[in-house]
Amino acid sequence: MERTRESGRDRRRVLARERRERQDVLAGELAPGSAPLVWGAGVGSRLLAVVWLALLVVFGPFAYDRDLAAFDWADWLFRGWGLAAGI
């Protein structure tokens, strides 16, 4: 059992050393980018988020078995504020 554990550990060390050597070679060959890579949500993702939030606000009362007619102005104000804050 000890021999298997040591051979596995040695194999992982060899693989890690090879991976570091490949990364060092690539780092020497590649030129740095002109600007840092930055990810941002696209238009489709933003629209999907707005639709999802709107559905959450509109259909949220049904999760609590409340009728939309039972909502007063304060409930709708809170829901509108929540939607605006979410967006």
N, C-alpha and C. Protein backbone atom coordinates (compact mmCIF):
# COMPACT_ATOMS: atom_id res chain seq x y z
N MET A 1 0.83 -1.20 0.00
CA MET A 1 0.00 0.00 0.00
C MET A 1 0.87 1.26 0.00
N GLU A 2 1.93 1.24 0.79
CA GLU A 2 2.82 2.39 0.86
C GLU A 2 3.52 2.64 -0.47
N ARG A 3 3.87 1.56 -1.15
CA ARG A 3 4.54 1.69 -2.44
C ARG A 3 3.61 2.34 -3.48
N THR A 4 2.36 1.96 -3.47
CA THR A 4 1.39 2.54 -4.40
C THR A 4 1.21 4.02 -4.11
N ARG A 5 1.15 4.37 -2.85
CA ARG A 5 0.97 5.76 -2.47
C ARG A 5 2.17 6.60 -2.93
N GLU A 6 3.38 6.05 -2.74
CA GLU A 6 4.58 6.78 -3.15
C GLU A 6 4.67 6.89 -4.67
N SER A 7 4.32 5.83 -5.38
CA SER A 7 4.39 5.89 -6.83
C SER A 7 3.37 6.88 -7.39
N GLY A 8 2.20 6.95 -6.79
CA GLY A 8 1.20 7.93 -7.22
C GLY A 8 1.66 9.35 -6.95
N ARG A 9 2.28 9.56 -5.79
CA ARG A 9 2.79 10.88 -5.43
C ARG A 9 3.92 11.28 -6.38
N ASP A 10 4.81 10.34 -6.68
CA ASP A 10 5.90 10.62 -7.61
C ASP A 10 5.37 10.94 -9.01
N ARG A 11 4.37 10.22 -9.44
CA ARG A 11 3.78 10.45 -10.76
C ARG A 11 3.16 11.85 -10.83
N ARG A 12 2.46 12.25 -9.77
CA ARG A 12 1.87 13.59 -9.74
C ARG A 12 2.94 14.67 -9.75
N ARG A 13 4.04 14.43 -9.05
CA ARG A 13 5.13 15.40 -9.04
C ARG A 13 5.76 15.54 -10.42
N VAL A 14 5.95 14.42 -11.11
CA VAL A 14 6.52 14.45 -12.45
C VAL A 14 5.58 15.20 -13.40
N LEU A 15 4.30 14.91 -13.31
CA LEU A 15 3.33 15.60 -14.18
C LEU A 15 3.30 17.09 -13.89
N ALA A 16 3.36 17.47 -12.60
CA ALA A 16 3.36 18.89 -12.25
C ALA A 16 4.62 19.57 -12.77
N ARG A 17 5.77 18.89 -12.68
CA ARG A 17 7.02 19.46 -13.17
C ARG A 17 6.95 19.65 -14.69
N GLU A 18 6.41 18.66 -15.40
CA GLU A 18 6.27 18.79 -16.86
C GLU A 18 5.32 19.92 -17.23
N ARG A 19 4.24 20.06 -16.47
CA ARG A 19 3.28 21.13 -16.74
C ARG A 19 3.94 22.50 -16.52
N ARG A 20 4.72 22.64 -15.45
CA ARG A 20 5.42 23.91 -15.21
C ARG A 20 6.42 24.21 -16.32
N GLU A 21 7.13 23.19 -16.79
CA GLU A 21 8.09 23.40 -17.88
C GLU A 21 7.38 23.85 -19.16
N ARG A 22 6.23 23.24 -19.48
CA ARG A 22 5.48 23.67 -20.66
C ARG A 22 4.99 25.10 -20.50
N GLN A 23 4.54 25.46 -19.32
CA GLN A 23 4.06 26.82 -19.08
C GLN A 23 5.20 27.82 -19.18
N ASP A 24 6.38 27.45 -18.70
CA ASP A 24 7.53 28.35 -18.81
C ASP A 24 7.92 28.58 -20.27
N VAL A 25 7.87 27.52 -21.08
CA VAL A 25 8.19 27.66 -22.50
C VAL A 25 7.17 28.56 -23.17
N LEU A 26 5.88 28.33 -22.89
CA LEU A 26 4.83 29.17 -23.50
C LEU A 26 4.94 30.61 -23.04
N ALA A 27 5.26 30.83 -21.77
CA ALA A 27 5.37 32.19 -21.25
C ALA A 27 6.51 32.94 -21.94
N GLY A 28 7.56 32.23 -22.33
CA GLY A 28 8.67 32.88 -23.03
C GLY A 28 8.34 33.20 -24.47
N GLU A 29 7.44 32.45 -25.07
CA GLU A 29 7.12 32.64 -26.49
C GLU A 29 5.99 33.63 -26.72
N LEU A 30 5.06 33.73 -25.79
CA LEU A 30 3.88 34.57 -25.99
C LEU A 30 4.18 36.02 -25.65
N ALA A 31 3.62 36.92 -26.44
CA ALA A 31 3.75 38.35 -26.17
C ALA A 31 2.58 38.78 -25.28
N PRO A 32 2.81 39.72 -24.38
CA PRO A 32 1.72 40.18 -23.53
C PRO A 32 0.66 40.91 -24.35
N GLY A 33 -0.57 40.85 -23.88
CA GLY A 33 -1.66 41.52 -24.57
C GLY A 33 -1.59 43.03 -24.41
N SER A 34 -2.26 43.73 -25.30
CA SER A 34 -2.24 45.19 -25.25
C SER A 34 -3.14 45.73 -24.14
N ALA A 35 -4.14 44.94 -23.75
CA ALA A 35 -5.05 45.36 -22.68
C ALA A 35 -5.45 44.12 -21.89
N PRO A 36 -5.79 44.30 -20.63
CA PRO A 36 -6.21 43.14 -19.85
C PRO A 36 -7.54 42.58 -20.35
N LEU A 37 -7.72 41.28 -20.20
CA LEU A 37 -8.97 40.65 -20.60
C LEU A 37 -10.04 40.96 -19.57
N VAL A 38 -11.17 41.45 -20.04
CA VAL A 38 -12.28 41.79 -19.16
C VAL A 38 -13.54 41.19 -19.75
N TRP A 39 -14.33 40.54 -18.89
CA TRP A 39 -15.59 39.97 -19.34
C TRP A 39 -16.71 40.89 -18.90
N GLY A 40 -17.69 41.06 -19.78
CA GLY A 40 -18.87 41.83 -19.45
C GLY A 40 -20.09 41.14 -20.04
N ALA A 41 -21.21 41.33 -19.38
CA ALA A 41 -22.43 40.72 -19.88
C ALA A 41 -22.85 41.41 -21.17
N GLY A 42 -23.26 40.62 -22.15
CA GLY A 42 -23.70 41.17 -23.42
C GLY A 42 -25.15 41.64 -23.34
N VAL A 43 -25.62 42.14 -24.45
CA VAL A 43 -26.99 42.66 -24.52
C VAL A 43 -28.00 41.55 -24.25
N GLY A 44 -27.78 40.36 -24.81
CA GLY A 44 -28.71 39.25 -24.60
C GLY A 44 -28.80 38.84 -23.14
N SER A 45 -27.67 38.80 -22.47
CA SER A 45 -27.67 38.44 -21.05
C SER A 45 -28.39 39.47 -20.21
N ARG A 46 -28.19 40.73 -20.54
CA ARG A 46 -28.86 41.79 -19.78
C ARG A 46 -30.37 41.77 -20.00
N LEU A 47 -30.77 41.55 -21.24
CA LEU A 47 -32.21 41.48 -21.52
C LEU A 47 -32.84 40.28 -20.81
N LEU A 48 -32.17 39.17 -20.84
CA LEU A 48 -32.67 37.98 -20.15
C LEU A 48 -32.80 38.24 -18.65
N ALA A 49 -31.85 38.94 -18.06
CA ALA A 49 -31.92 39.27 -16.64
C ALA A 49 -33.10 40.18 -16.33
N VAL A 50 -33.35 41.16 -17.20
CA VAL A 50 -34.49 42.07 -17.00
C VAL A 50 -35.80 41.30 -17.09
N VAL A 51 -35.92 40.42 -18.07
CA VAL A 51 -37.14 39.62 -18.21
C VAL A 51 -37.33 38.72 -17.00
N TRP A 52 -36.25 38.10 -16.55
CA TRP A 52 -36.35 37.21 -15.38
C TRP A 52 -36.78 37.98 -14.14
N LEU A 53 -36.20 39.16 -13.92
CA LEU A 53 -36.59 39.96 -12.76
C LEU A 53 -38.04 40.42 -12.86
N ALA A 54 -38.47 40.81 -14.06
CA ALA A 54 -39.86 41.25 -14.23
C ALA A 54 -40.82 40.09 -13.94
N LEU A 55 -40.50 38.90 -14.42
CA LEU A 55 -41.36 37.75 -14.14
C LEU A 55 -41.38 37.43 -12.65
N LEU A 56 -40.23 37.58 -12.01
CA LEU A 56 -40.17 37.33 -10.56
C LEU A 56 -41.06 38.31 -9.80
N VAL A 57 -41.04 39.57 -10.20
CA VAL A 57 -41.85 40.58 -9.53
C VAL A 57 -43.33 40.35 -9.79
N VAL A 58 -43.68 40.04 -11.03
CA VAL A 58 -45.10 39.88 -11.38
C VAL A 58 -45.68 38.60 -10.81
N PHE A 59 -44.96 37.49 -10.91
CA PHE A 59 -45.51 36.20 -10.48
C PHE A 59 -45.13 35.82 -9.06
N GLY A 60 -44.36 36.65 -8.39
CA GLY A 60 -43.97 36.37 -7.01
C GLY A 60 -45.14 36.20 -6.05
N PRO A 61 -46.20 37.01 -6.15
CA PRO A 61 -47.32 36.86 -5.21
C PRO A 61 -48.00 35.50 -5.28
N PHE A 62 -47.97 34.86 -6.43
CA PHE A 62 -48.63 33.57 -6.57
C PHE A 62 -47.90 32.48 -5.77
N ALA A 63 -46.63 32.71 -5.46
CA ALA A 63 -45.90 31.75 -4.64
C ALA A 63 -46.42 31.75 -3.21
N TYR A 64 -47.06 32.85 -2.81
CA TYR A 64 -47.61 32.96 -1.45
C TYR A 64 -49.14 32.87 -1.45
N ASP A 65 -49.72 32.39 -2.55
CA ASP A 65 -51.18 32.26 -2.69
C ASP A 65 -51.89 33.59 -2.44
N ARG A 66 -51.35 34.66 -3.00
CA ARG A 66 -52.00 35.96 -2.90
C ARG A 66 -52.54 36.35 -4.27
N ASP A 67 -53.67 36.96 -4.27
CA ASP A 67 -54.27 37.44 -5.51
C ASP A 67 -53.73 38.83 -5.81
N LEU A 68 -53.51 39.12 -7.08
CA LEU A 68 -52.99 40.44 -7.45
C LEU A 68 -53.96 41.55 -7.08
N ALA A 69 -55.25 41.26 -7.06
CA ALA A 69 -56.24 42.28 -6.70
C ALA A 69 -56.14 42.65 -5.23
N ALA A 70 -55.55 41.78 -4.41
CA ALA A 70 -55.43 42.07 -2.98
C ALA A 70 -54.24 42.99 -2.68
N PHE A 71 -53.44 43.29 -3.68
CA PHE A 71 -52.29 44.16 -3.45
C PHE A 71 -52.74 45.61 -3.36
N ASP A 72 -52.19 46.33 -2.42
CA ASP A 72 -52.48 47.75 -2.34
C ASP A 72 -51.33 48.53 -2.97
N TRP A 73 -51.38 49.84 -2.90
CA TRP A 73 -50.38 50.67 -3.56
C TRP A 73 -48.99 50.46 -2.99
N ALA A 74 -48.88 50.17 -1.69
CA ALA A 74 -47.57 49.99 -1.08
C ALA A 74 -46.90 48.71 -1.59
N ASP A 75 -47.70 47.66 -1.79
CA ASP A 75 -47.13 46.42 -2.33
C ASP A 75 -46.57 46.65 -3.74
N TRP A 76 -47.32 47.36 -4.57
CA TRP A 76 -46.86 47.62 -5.93
C TRP A 76 -45.66 48.56 -5.93
N LEU A 77 -45.64 49.52 -5.01
CA LEU A 77 -44.50 50.42 -4.90
C LEU A 77 -43.24 49.63 -4.51
N PHE A 78 -43.38 48.73 -3.55
CA PHE A 78 -42.26 47.90 -3.12
C PHE A 78 -41.78 47.01 -4.26
N ARG A 79 -42.71 46.44 -5.01
CA ARG A 79 -42.34 45.58 -6.14
C ARG A 79 -41.65 46.38 -7.24
N GLY A 80 -42.15 47.56 -7.53
CA GLY A 80 -41.51 48.41 -8.53
C GLY A 80 -40.12 48.84 -8.09
N TRP A 81 -39.96 49.19 -6.81
CA TRP A 81 -38.66 49.57 -6.29
C TRP A 81 -37.71 48.36 -6.34
N GLY A 82 -38.20 47.19 -6.01
CA GLY A 82 -37.37 45.98 -6.05
C GLY A 82 -36.90 45.67 -7.46
N LEU A 83 -37.79 45.85 -8.43
CA LEU A 83 -37.42 45.63 -9.83
C LEU A 83 -36.37 46.64 -10.28
N ALA A 84 -36.57 47.91 -9.93
CA ALA A 84 -35.59 48.93 -10.31
C ALA A 84 -34.25 48.68 -9.65
N ALA A 85 -34.26 48.29 -8.38
CA ALA A 85 -33.00 48.02 -7.68
C ALA A 85 -32.33 46.79 -8.27
N GLY A 86 -33.10 45.80 -8.66
CA GLY A 86 -32.54 44.59 -9.26
C GLY A 86 -31.91 44.86 -10.61
N ILE A 87 -32.54 45.73 -11.37
CA ILE A 87 -32.00 46.06 -12.70
C ILE A 87 -30.77 46.91 -12.55
